[in-house]
Amino acid sequence: MLCATLAVVLGVALLSYRSSVAMSLAQNERDLTQAIVKVNSALLSTLKDAETGQRGFLLLRKPRIFRVCVCKGLRARHICRAGLFSVSTEARGLQARGGA
């Protein structure tokens, strides 16, 4: 009887440990996904601004608007590179902790 009880307790402990490990991995993946969504949102916003600037230049033919468009395009590339760098750095950190 004691052996059966001990086996049940050990089984529950093992299942509890596996569940906590799976939950930790899921949280790490959620955090990485949220970081990617944040970078993509910033990039989309910047590209939308650049498109608006280009459309304004084509309609009004004012160089000032074109300069804004070029600057926004450079900013988009910077955000994309910086964002991907920070996301890849975070992914490496998760891998180092055994999360991915």
C-alpha atoms as a PDB file:
ATOM      1  CA  MET A   1       0.000   0.000   0.000  1.00  0.00           C
ATOM      2  CA  LEU A   2       2.820   2.390   0.899  1.00  0.00           C
ATOM      3  CA  CYS A   3       4.588   1.672  -2.415  1.00  0.00           C
ATOM      4  CA  ALA A   4       1.444   2.472  -4.407  1.00  0.00           C
ATOM      5  CA  THR A   5       0.988   5.766  -2.555  1.00  0.00           C
ATOM      6  CA  LEU A   6       4.621   6.677  -3.091  1.00  0.00           C
ATOM      7  CA  ALA A   7       4.342   5.843  -6.804  1.00  0.00           C
ATOM      8  CA  VAL A   8       1.261   8.076  -7.157  1.00  0.00           C
ATOM      9  CA  VAL A   9       2.985  10.965  -5.356  1.00  0.00           C
ATOM     10  CA  LEU A  10       6.092  10.636  -7.535  1.00  0.00           C
ATOM     11  CA  GLY A  11       3.933  10.459 -10.677  1.00  0.00           C
ATOM     12  CA  VAL A  12       2.089  13.635  -9.718  1.00  0.00           C
ATOM     13  CA  ALA A  13       5.389  15.364  -8.916  1.00  0.00           C
ATOM     14  CA  LEU A  14       6.835  14.378 -12.308  1.00  0.00           C
ATOM     15  CA  LEU A  15       3.765  15.589 -14.177  1.00  0.00           C
ATOM     16  CA  SER A  16       3.802  18.856 -12.207  1.00  0.00           C
ATOM     17  CA  TYR A  17       7.470  19.446 -13.050  1.00  0.00           C
ATOM     18  CA  ARG A  18       6.892  18.747 -16.764  1.00  0.00           C
ATOM     19  CA  SER A  19       3.946  21.145 -16.779  1.00  0.00           C
ATOM     20  CA  SER A  20       5.987  23.918 -15.161  1.00  0.00           C
ATOM     21  CA  VAL A  21       8.796  23.459 -17.712  1.00  0.00           C
ATOM     22  CA  ALA A  22       6.288  23.563 -20.594  1.00  0.00           C
ATOM     23  CA  MET A  23       4.698  26.694 -19.123  1.00  0.00           C
ATOM     24  CA  SER A  24       8.096  28.386 -18.866  1.00  0.00           C
ATOM     25  CA  LEU A  25       8.878  27.569 -22.508  1.00  0.00           C
ATOM     26  CA  ALA A  26       5.487  28.881 -23.598  1.00  0.00           C
ATOM     27  CA  GLN A  27       6.059  32.143 -21.711  1.00  0.00           C
ATOM     28  CA  ASN A  28       9.455  32.605 -23.383  1.00  0.00           C
ATOM     29  CA  GLU A  29       7.932  32.003 -26.815  1.00  0.00           C
ATOM     30  CA  ARG A  30       5.109  34.452 -26.020  1.00  0.00           C
ATOM     31  CA  ASP A  31       7.629  37.129 -25.031  1.00  0.00           C
ATOM     32  CA  LEU A  32       9.586  36.598 -28.252  1.00  0.00           C
ATOM     33  CA  THR A  33       6.402  36.791 -30.322  1.00  0.00           C
ATOM     34  CA  GLN A  34       5.399  40.032 -28.612  1.00  0.00           C
ATOM     35  CA  ALA A  35       8.828  41.513 -29.355  1.00  0.00           C
ATOM     36  CA  ILE A  36       8.485  40.585 -33.033  1.00  0.00           C
ATOM     37  CA  VAL A  37       4.996  42.108 -33.205  1.00  0.00           C
ATOM     38  CA  LYS A  38       6.305  45.327 -31.632  1.00  0.00           C
ATOM     39  CA  VAL A  39       9.120  45.626 -34.192  1.00  0.00           C
ATOM     40  CA  ASN A  40       6.754  44.882 -37.069  1.00  0.00           C
ATOM     41  CA  SER A  41       4.292  47.524 -35.852  1.00  0.00           C
ATOM     42  CA  ALA A  42       7.015  50.165 -35.693  1.00  0.00           C
ATOM     43  CA  LEU A  43       8.247  49.212 -39.158  1.00  0.00           C
ATOM     44  CA  LEU A  44       4.743  49.311 -40.625  1.00  0.00           C
ATOM     45  CA  SER A  45       4.111  52.738 -39.113  1.00  0.00           C
ATOM     46  CA  THR A  46       7.359  54.107 -40.530  1.00  0.00           C
ATOM     47  CA  LEU A  47       6.706  52.656 -43.972  1.00  0.00           C
ATOM     48  CA  LYS A  48       3.226  54.176 -43.926  1.00  0.00           C
ATOM     49  CA  ASP A  49       4.743  57.566 -43.090  1.00  0.00           C
ATOM     50  CA  ALA A  50       7.245  57.191 -45.933  1.00  0.00           C
ATOM     51  CA  GLU A  51       4.501  56.285 -48.381  1.00  0.00           C
ATOM     52  CA  THR A  52       2.474  59.303 -47.293  1.00  0.00           C
ATOM     53  CA  GLY A  53       5.515  61.546 -47.799  1.00  0.00           C
ATOM     54  CA  GLN A  54       6.162  60.118 -51.240  1.00  0.00           C
ATOM     55  CA  ARG A  55       2.524  60.543 -52.238  1.00  0.00           C
ATOM     56  CA  GLY A  56       2.647  64.165 -51.059  1.00  0.00           C
ATOM     57  CA  PHE A  57       5.778  64.782 -53.092  1.00  0.00           C
ATOM     58  CA  LEU A  58       4.223  63.292 -56.216  1.00  0.00           C
ATOM     59  CA  LEU A  59       1.116  65.442 -55.801  1.00  0.00           C
ATOM     60  CA  LEU A  60       2.757  68.738 -54.800  1.00  0.00           C
ATOM     61  CA  ARG A  61       6.285  68.394 -56.247  1.00  0.00           C
ATOM     62  CA  LYS A  62       7.837  69.998 -53.177  1.00  0.00           C
ATOM     63  CA  PRO A  63      11.381  68.782 -52.415  1.00  0.00           C
ATOM     64  CA  ARG A  64      10.827  69.287 -48.698  1.00  0.00           C
ATOM     65  CA  ILE A  65       8.268  66.477 -48.694  1.00  0.00           C
ATOM     66  CA  PHE A  66      10.639  64.266 -50.654  1.00  0.00           C
ATOM     67  CA  ARG A  67      13.376  64.800 -48.051  1.00  0.00           C
ATOM     68  CA  VAL A  68      10.941  63.735 -45.341  1.00  0.00           C
ATOM     69  CA  CYS A  69      10.166  60.640 -47.366  1.00  0.00           C
ATOM     70  CA  VAL A  70      13.849  59.746 -47.744  1.00  0.00           C
ATOM     71  CA  CYS A  71      14.463  60.315 -44.042  1.00  0.00           C
ATOM     72  CA  LYS A  72      11.489  58.142 -43.146  1.00  0.00           C
ATOM     73  CA  GLY A  73      12.815  55.406 -45.419  1.00  0.00           C
ATOM     74  CA  LEU A  74      16.180  55.508 -43.678  1.00  0.00           C
ATOM     75  CA  ARG A  75      14.397  55.408 -40.342  1.00  0.00           C
ATOM     76  CA  ALA A  76      12.436  52.354 -41.487  1.00  0.00           C
ATOM     77  CA  ARG A  77      15.639  50.510 -42.338  1.00  0.00           C
ATOM     78  CA  HIS A  78      17.137  51.528 -38.992  1.00  0.00           C
ATOM     79  CA  ILE A  79      14.077  50.343 -37.080  1.00  0.00           C
ATOM     80  CA  CYS A  80      14.015  47.099 -38.994  1.00  0.00           C
ATOM     81  CA  ARG A  81      17.688  46.365 -38.381  1.00  0.00           C
ATOM     82  CA  ALA A  82      17.605  47.448 -34.742  1.00  0.00           C
ATOM     83  CA  GLY A  83      14.396  45.552 -34.118  1.00  0.00           C
ATOM     84  CA  LEU A  84      15.615  42.372 -35.734  1.00  0.00           C
ATOM     85  CA  PHE A  85      18.869  42.714 -33.816  1.00  0.00           C
ATOM     86  CA  SER A  86      17.043  43.065 -30.496  1.00  0.00           C
ATOM     87  CA  VAL A  87      14.697  40.174 -31.322  1.00  0.00           C
ATOM     88  CA  SER A  88      17.584  37.920 -32.375  1.00  0.00           C
ATOM     89  CA  THR A  89      19.495  38.899 -29.234  1.00  0.00           C
ATOM     90  CA  GLU A  90      16.462  37.997 -27.142  1.00  0.00           C
ATOM     91  CA  ALA A  91      16.140  34.681 -28.982  1.00  0.00           C
ATOM     92  CA  ARG A  92      19.790  33.885 -28.265  1.00  0.00           C
ATOM     93  CA  GLY A  93      19.161  34.675 -24.598  1.00  0.00           C
ATOM     94  CA  LEU A  94      16.206  32.291 -24.559  1.00  0.00           C
ATOM     95  CA  GLN A  95      18.303  29.591 -26.200  1.00  0.00           C
ATOM     96  CA  ALA A  96      21.054  30.091 -23.627  1.00  0.00           C
ATOM     97  CA  ARG A  97      18.499  29.595 -20.848  1.00  0.00           C
ATOM     98  CA  GLY A  98      17.257  26.478 -22.589  1.00  0.00           C
ATOM     99  CA  GLY A  99      14.004  28.061 -23.660  1.00  0.00           C
ATOM    100  CA  ALA A 100      14.160  27.514 -27.415  1.00  0.00           C
END
